Structure formats: structure tokens, C-alpha cells
């Protein structure tokens, strides 16, 4: 259901408030760049610092601006199952095509607890669900065995794999029949080569058309051409993640004149050296 080039959208702020006008403009730019799926209110969208009302406002403006021209996969996960159900239910009413559900973070539940968490959301809201395994942030991966169990639920259609392991793509594909989406810009090509159906990208906030072209080439089997684009992108991607996400991509967006830089604590601006090397990488790529 979700495949191709997908963008983990940033959430623009202005004077401490969510800037919905800029959000709409960024969504429009993504659609013009050919992005297949819009992913608001995820990690890159700073969902952890958004209020419940702000998250819904960001999701709503994304759906209304997209007008069906791109699918919307809203991040509605939480470490509290009740909260995830509430947010998912509200997002469904706004007309999203599906949701991205991060594995419960901080509490580090058992595999059975993780299964019951996702199963409860699926039972409460009949909407396509993409699992999100990102152990570097949550402290615990969704095991392949648990993915296999969850894949039997009709609502579970895919998993965003952001654990840095290409081998897990193969293991998951052999254990289940759900789609696998790369959650790492730097591993998109190798993951697609072993069965992933697309990429949820951070750098595509800045370069939607380029990422779309690279992903489409890989999916169609034109790996040499895709690799050339990958090799050009990787130095820039490395700089974006040098300190943390989304500080890097928001700094890059500001450098490119696409939106002002503003994040919420505990995030803050890049260190001076990191900002300089990011600027150099953007100049080398030709963005600025």
C-alpha cells in the first residue's frame, strides 16, 4: 500500500508556534517533487514536543493540502497504548491513509507486550498500520518473530526498518508477507536490493525530486544509476545526522531558504563546526 519515495516531514515553527502556512507550502513542494507518501508527526516532525492538538493540526493540514495527490501516513505512535489509540482514532477521522506506529519507547516492554500494544491499536482502529522499529531511539527492536505474529493482523501492512541492518530485511521477508520500508537514507539502495519497497527519507525534505528519482531507479532494478545518485547524496546525509535529527535537516532547510530554523528544547542549534561542514556539503551537492 505504501511504496516508493516517502518523506518524514519536518514541522516548521514560528515564534514557538507550529507554522501551518509554511507546513502547507512544504507539503506542496513535496508533491511537486513527486513524493509518493507524506509522513507527518514522526520523529523528524518532532512529535515528542508537539501537544495533542498540534499533532492533529499538522496531520490535518497535510491531508487537506495533499488533496489525495499523495498518500498520508501519520505518525500516531506513543509509549502509552491508550494514547496511541486516541491519536490514531483522531487521525483516522481526519482522512489519513494509514499510520506509522513506533515501538513503545523508554518502557522497553517484552516481545509479548509489544505485540499486545500493536494488536490493541489494530483492534481499536481499522486503519492500515506501518510498524516502526528504531531501537536506537526506543531502546528495543521489534523482533522478527513479533513482526511475523503482527503480520497476521489485516491492519498491519508494512514495517519501517530503521535498525541499521540490511539482514533484517531478508529475515523479515522470509518470516512474513508484509512490505518492508527502509527508514535509513544511507541504506535505501541495499535494503531495496533485498526486498524493501521504498524509503521513508529525511533528506527528501530538502531534495524530494532527487530522492524520488533514486528510489524509483532502485525499485526498477537500475541499480548502477541509483548508486550514482546514492553516492552523491551520502556525504550530505552524513552531515544531516552528524549531531541529531531533525536539527540537521532543519538547518539545511533554513540554509536553502525553504523555512526559518526553529526547534524546540531539548533540541537546539548545531554546533558551529557541524554547521560549517553541513554548509560545505550542501555547496558541494549544489543545493546552495
Protein backbone atom coordinates (compact mmCIF):
# COMPACT_ATOMS: atom_id res chain seq x y z
CA UNK A 1 0.00 0.00 0.00
CA UNK A 2 2.87 2.38 0.81
CA UNK A 3 5.82 2.27 -1.55
CA UNK A 4 8.30 4.47 -3.35
CA UNK A 5 9.68 7.73 -2.05
CA UNK A 6 8.20 8.81 1.29
CA UNK A 7 9.17 11.91 3.24
CA UNK A 8 9.36 12.11 7.03
CA UNK A 9 8.18 15.72 7.15
CA UNK A 10 9.67 18.34 9.42
CA UNK A 11 7.30 20.51 11.47
CA UNK A 12 8.09 24.20 10.93
CA UNK A 13 7.78 26.59 13.88
CA UNK A 14 7.49 30.37 14.07
CA UNK A 15 7.96 32.18 17.36
CA UNK A 16 7.37 28.97 19.27
CA UNK A 17 4.17 28.02 17.46
CA UNK A 18 3.53 25.49 14.68
CA UNK A 19 3.65 27.37 11.37
CA UNK A 20 0.79 25.79 9.42
CA UNK A 21 1.18 28.09 6.40
CA UNK A 22 4.78 27.01 5.92
CA UNK A 23 3.76 23.41 6.57
CA UNK A 24 1.27 23.62 3.69
CA UNK A 25 3.94 25.12 1.43
CA UNK A 26 6.39 22.34 2.29
CA UNK A 27 3.74 19.70 1.56
CA UNK A 28 3.02 21.32 -1.79
CA UNK A 29 6.73 21.29 -2.60
CA UNK A 30 6.89 17.57 -1.79
CA UNK A 31 4.03 16.82 -4.16
CA UNK A 32 5.66 18.87 -6.91
CA UNK A 33 8.81 16.82 -6.35
CA UNK A 34 6.91 13.57 -6.90
CA UNK A 35 6.91 12.24 -3.34
CA UNK A 36 4.60 9.23 -3.08
CA UNK A 37 3.79 9.29 0.64
CA UNK A 38 3.83 12.12 3.18
CA UNK A 39 4.74 11.17 6.75
CA UNK A 40 3.93 13.97 9.23
CA UNK A 41 4.32 13.93 13.03
CA UNK A 42 7.05 11.34 13.22
CA UNK A 43 10.48 11.63 14.83
CA UNK A 44 11.60 14.11 12.16
CA UNK A 45 8.38 16.05 12.77
CA UNK A 46 9.30 16.47 16.45
CA UNK A 47 6.09 14.77 17.56
CA UNK A 48 7.51 14.27 21.05
CA UNK A 49 7.44 18.04 21.62
CA UNK A 50 4.05 18.68 20.00
CA UNK A 51 0.85 18.87 22.00
CA UNK A 52 -2.03 16.58 21.12
CA UNK A 53 -3.79 19.50 19.41
CA UNK A 54 -0.67 20.50 17.48
CA UNK A 55 -0.14 16.97 16.19
CA UNK A 56 -3.69 16.84 14.87
CA UNK A 57 -3.35 20.30 13.30
CA UNK A 58 -0.19 19.19 11.45
CA UNK A 59 -1.88 16.00 10.26
CA UNK A 60 -4.97 17.90 9.16
CA UNK A 61 -3.08 20.50 7.12
CA UNK A 62 -1.07 17.72 5.47
CA UNK A 63 -4.22 15.84 4.43
CA UNK A 64 -6.00 19.00 3.24
CA UNK A 65 -3.01 20.24 1.25
CA UNK A 66 -2.28 16.86 -0.33
CA UNK A 67 -5.88 16.51 -1.56
CA UNK A 68 -5.28 12.88 -2.46
CA UNK A 69 -2.28 13.65 -4.69
CA UNK A 70 -0.01 11.77 -2.28
CA UNK A 71 -0.85 9.31 0.46
CA UNK A 72 -0.57 10.41 4.08
CA UNK A 73 0.91 8.10 6.72
CA UNK A 74 0.62 9.95 10.01
CA UNK A 75 2.87 9.23 12.96
CA UNK A 76 0.45 8.46 15.79
CA UNK A 77 2.54 6.13 17.94
CA UNK A 78 3.23 6.52 21.65
CA UNK A 79 4.74 4.60 24.54
CA UNK A 80 1.27 4.58 26.11
CA UNK A 81 -1.14 2.28 24.28
CA UNK A 82 -4.21 4.32 25.22
CA UNK A 83 -2.58 7.48 23.91
CA UNK A 84 -1.64 5.78 20.64
CA UNK A 85 -5.22 4.54 20.20
CA UNK A 86 -6.61 8.01 20.88
CA UNK A 87 -4.26 9.72 18.42
CA UNK A 88 -4.78 7.03 15.77
CA UNK A 89 -8.55 7.29 16.06
CA UNK A 90 -8.39 11.08 15.71
CA UNK A 91 -6.07 10.83 12.69
CA UNK A 92 -8.43 8.35 11.02
CA UNK A 93 -11.23 10.91 11.27
CA UNK A 94 -9.01 13.45 9.51
CA UNK A 95 -8.72 11.16 6.49
CA UNK A 96 -5.19 9.75 6.66
CA UNK A 97 -4.42 6.71 4.53
CA UNK A 98 -2.60 4.95 7.35
CA UNK A 99 -0.46 5.45 10.41
CA UNK A 100 3.15 4.91 11.45
CA UNK A 101 3.36 3.24 14.86
CA UNK A 102 6.66 3.42 16.68
CA UNK A 103 7.55 0.65 19.10
CA UNK A 104 6.86 1.76 22.69
CA UNK A 105 9.89 3.70 23.88
CA UNK A 106 11.54 4.15 27.27
CA UNK A 107 9.49 1.42 28.99
CA UNK A 108 11.20 -1.33 26.93
CA UNK A 109 8.32 -3.85 27.07
CA UNK A 110 8.73 -7.56 26.43
CA UNK A 111 8.04 -9.00 22.98
CA UNK A 112 4.60 -10.03 24.23
CA UNK A 113 3.95 -6.50 25.49
CA UNK A 114 4.98 -5.06 22.12
CA UNK A 115 2.67 -7.49 20.33
CA UNK A 116 -0.28 -6.62 22.57
CA UNK A 117 0.40 -2.89 22.16
CA UNK A 118 0.14 -3.01 18.37
CA UNK A 119 -2.69 -5.54 18.41
CA UNK A 120 -4.73 -3.27 20.69
CA UNK A 121 -4.30 -0.34 18.29
CA UNK A 122 -5.27 -2.51 15.32
CA UNK A 123 -8.31 -3.79 17.17
CA UNK A 124 -9.44 -0.29 18.13
CA UNK A 125 -8.92 1.48 14.79
CA UNK A 126 -9.48 -0.24 11.43
CA UNK A 127 -6.77 1.61 9.51
CA UNK A 128 -3.62 0.43 7.72
CA UNK A 129 -0.68 0.41 10.13
CA UNK A 130 3.05 0.58 9.47
CA UNK A 131 5.18 -0.72 12.33
CA UNK A 132 8.29 1.31 13.15
CA UNK A 133 11.34 -0.43 14.57
CA UNK A 134 14.02 2.05 15.61
CA UNK A 135 15.95 0.57 18.55
CA UNK A 136 18.45 3.43 18.61
CA UNK A 137 15.65 5.68 19.86
CA UNK A 138 13.29 3.31 21.64
CA UNK A 139 15.82 1.04 23.32
CA UNK A 140 14.30 -2.14 21.90
CA UNK A 141 13.75 -3.51 18.39
CA UNK A 142 10.55 -5.20 17.30
CA UNK A 143 11.79 -8.78 16.98
CA UNK A 144 11.35 -10.56 13.66
CA UNK A 145 9.22 -13.17 15.43
CA UNK A 146 6.91 -10.43 16.73
CA UNK A 147 6.72 -8.86 13.28
CA UNK A 148 5.69 -12.26 11.93
CA UNK A 149 2.90 -12.52 14.52
CA UNK A 150 1.71 -8.98 13.84
CA UNK A 151 1.73 -9.54 10.09
CA UNK A 152 -1.25 -11.85 10.55
CA UNK A 153 -3.35 -8.84 11.55
CA UNK A 154 -5.06 -7.36 8.50
CA UNK A 155 -4.33 -3.79 9.56
CA UNK A 156 -0.55 -4.34 9.69
CA UNK A 157 0.66 -3.73 6.15
CA UNK A 158 4.35 -2.84 6.48
CA UNK A 159 7.28 -2.14 8.75
CA UNK A 160 9.68 0.80 8.68
CA UNK A 161 13.06 -0.76 9.36
CA UNK A 162 15.45 1.71 10.97
CA UNK A 163 17.78 -0.55 12.91
CA UNK A 164 20.71 -0.21 10.54
CA UNK A 165 20.58 -3.85 9.45
CA UNK A 166 20.08 -4.96 5.86
CA UNK A 167 20.00 -8.57 7.06
CA UNK A 168 16.79 -7.85 8.99
CA UNK A 169 15.06 -7.03 5.70
CA UNK A 170 15.75 -10.55 4.47
CA UNK A 171 14.85 -12.12 7.81
CA UNK A 172 11.56 -10.19 7.95
CA UNK A 173 10.70 -11.01 4.34
CA UNK A 174 11.23 -14.71 4.98
CA UNK A 175 9.17 -14.64 8.18
CA UNK A 176 6.21 -12.55 6.99
CA UNK A 177 4.49 -11.22 3.90
CA UNK A 178 4.24 -7.53 4.87
CA UNK A 179 6.06 -4.78 3.00
CA UNK A 180 9.39 -3.52 4.32
CA UNK A 181 10.36 0.14 4.08
CA UNK A 182 13.86 1.46 4.63
CA UNK A 183 13.98 4.01 7.43
CA UNK A 184 17.57 4.99 6.74
CA UNK A 185 18.59 7.25 3.83
CA UNK A 186 22.05 5.71 3.72
CA UNK A 187 20.73 2.14 3.46
CA UNK A 188 17.89 2.68 0.99
CA UNK A 189 19.61 1.12 -2.02
CA UNK A 190 20.90 -2.05 -0.30
CA UNK A 191 17.59 -2.54 1.50
CA UNK A 192 15.63 -2.18 -1.74
CA UNK A 193 18.02 -4.61 -3.43
CA UNK A 194 17.00 -7.34 -0.95
CA UNK A 195 13.28 -6.64 -0.94
CA UNK A 196 12.33 -3.28 0.59
CA UNK A 197 9.63 -1.44 -1.34
CA UNK A 198 10.76 2.11 -0.68
CA UNK A 199 12.28 4.65 1.68
CA UNK A 200 10.96 6.94 4.39
CA UNK A 201 13.52 9.68 3.94
CA UNK A 202 14.74 12.69 5.89
CA UNK A 203 16.91 14.26 3.17
CA UNK A 204 13.90 14.29 0.82
CA UNK A 205 12.60 17.24 2.85
CA UNK A 206 15.36 19.14 1.07
CA UNK A 207 15.63 17.16 -2.18
CA UNK A 208 12.29 15.47 -2.91
CA UNK A 209 12.78 15.09 -6.66
CA UNK A 210 16.29 13.66 -6.33
CA UNK A 211 15.28 11.10 -3.70
CA UNK A 212 12.20 10.15 -5.74
CA UNK A 213 14.39 9.54 -8.80
CA UNK A 214 16.93 7.47 -6.84
CA UNK A 215 14.27 5.30 -5.19
CA UNK A 216 12.40 4.74 -8.46
CA UNK A 217 15.60 3.69 -10.20
CA UNK A 218 16.40 1.20 -7.45
CA UNK A 219 12.90 -0.25 -7.41
CA UNK A 220 13.01 -0.70 -11.20
CA UNK A 221 16.34 -2.54 -10.90
CA UNK A 222 18.53 0.19 -12.38
CA UNK A 223 20.99 -0.09 -9.55
CA UNK A 224 24.00 1.46 -11.24
CA UNK A 225 22.16 4.72 -11.88
CA UNK A 226 20.61 4.61 -8.42
CA UNK A 227 24.05 4.02 -6.90
CA UNK A 228 25.46 7.10 -8.63
CA UNK A 229 22.75 9.22 -7.01
CA UNK A 230 23.24 7.45 -3.68
CA UNK A 231 26.97 8.15 -3.70
CA UNK A 232 26.34 11.82 -4.39
CA UNK A 233 23.77 12.04 -1.56
CA UNK A 234 25.62 10.13 1.16
CA UNK A 235 28.10 12.89 2.19
CA UNK A 236 25.18 15.29 2.65
CA UNK A 237 23.13 12.70 4.52
CA UNK A 238 26.06 12.03 6.85
CA UNK A 239 26.23 15.72 7.73
CA UNK A 240 22.48 15.89 8.38
CA UNK A 241 22.80 13.20 11.05
CA UNK A 242 26.13 14.34 12.47
CA UNK A 243 24.51 15.59 15.68
CA UNK A 244 20.83 14.70 15.71
CA UNK A 245 17.66 14.61 13.70
CA UNK A 246 15.82 16.88 12.87
CA UNK A 247 18.28 19.63 13.83
CA UNK A 248 20.45 18.82 10.81
CA UNK A 249 17.67 18.81 8.23
CA UNK A 250 16.06 21.92 9.69
CA UNK A 251 19.39 23.73 9.49
CA UNK A 252 19.76 22.63 5.88
CA UNK A 253 16.23 23.77 5.04
CA UNK A 254 16.99 27.19 6.52
CA UNK A 255 20.27 27.42 4.57
CA UNK A 256 18.34 26.67 1.39
CA UNK A 257 15.80 29.39 2.21
CA UNK A 258 12.90 26.95 2.49
CA UNK A 259 11.89 27.77 6.07
CA UNK A 260 13.34 29.53 9.11
CA UNK A 261 15.31 27.43 11.58
CA UNK A 262 13.50 26.75 14.81
CA UNK A 263 13.39 23.67 17.02
CA UNK A 264 12.02 23.05 20.49
CA UNK A 265 14.03 22.11 23.54
CA UNK A 266 15.65 19.80 24.33
CA UNK A 267 16.80 20.16 20.71
CA UNK A 268 18.96 23.17 19.90
CA UNK A 269 21.03 24.58 17.04
CA UNK A 270 24.02 22.72 15.59
CA UNK A 271 27.49 23.35 16.93
CA UNK A 272 29.43 25.85 14.82
CA UNK A 273 31.76 23.22 13.30
CA UNK A 274 28.84 20.97 12.34
CA UNK A 275 27.02 23.87 10.72
CA UNK A 276 30.09 24.75 8.67
CA UNK A 277 30.65 21.20 7.41
CA UNK A 278 26.94 20.90 6.58
CA UNK A 279 27.12 24.11 4.57
CA UNK A 280 30.14 22.78 2.69
CA UNK A 281 28.32 19.52 1.91
CA UNK A 282 25.33 21.46 0.60
CA UNK A 283 27.58 23.62 -1.58
CA UNK A 284 29.32 20.52 -2.93
CA UNK A 285 25.94 18.94 -3.73
CA UNK A 286 24.78 22.13 -5.37
CA UNK A 287 21.84 22.94 -3.11
CA UNK A 288 23.30 26.33 -2.18
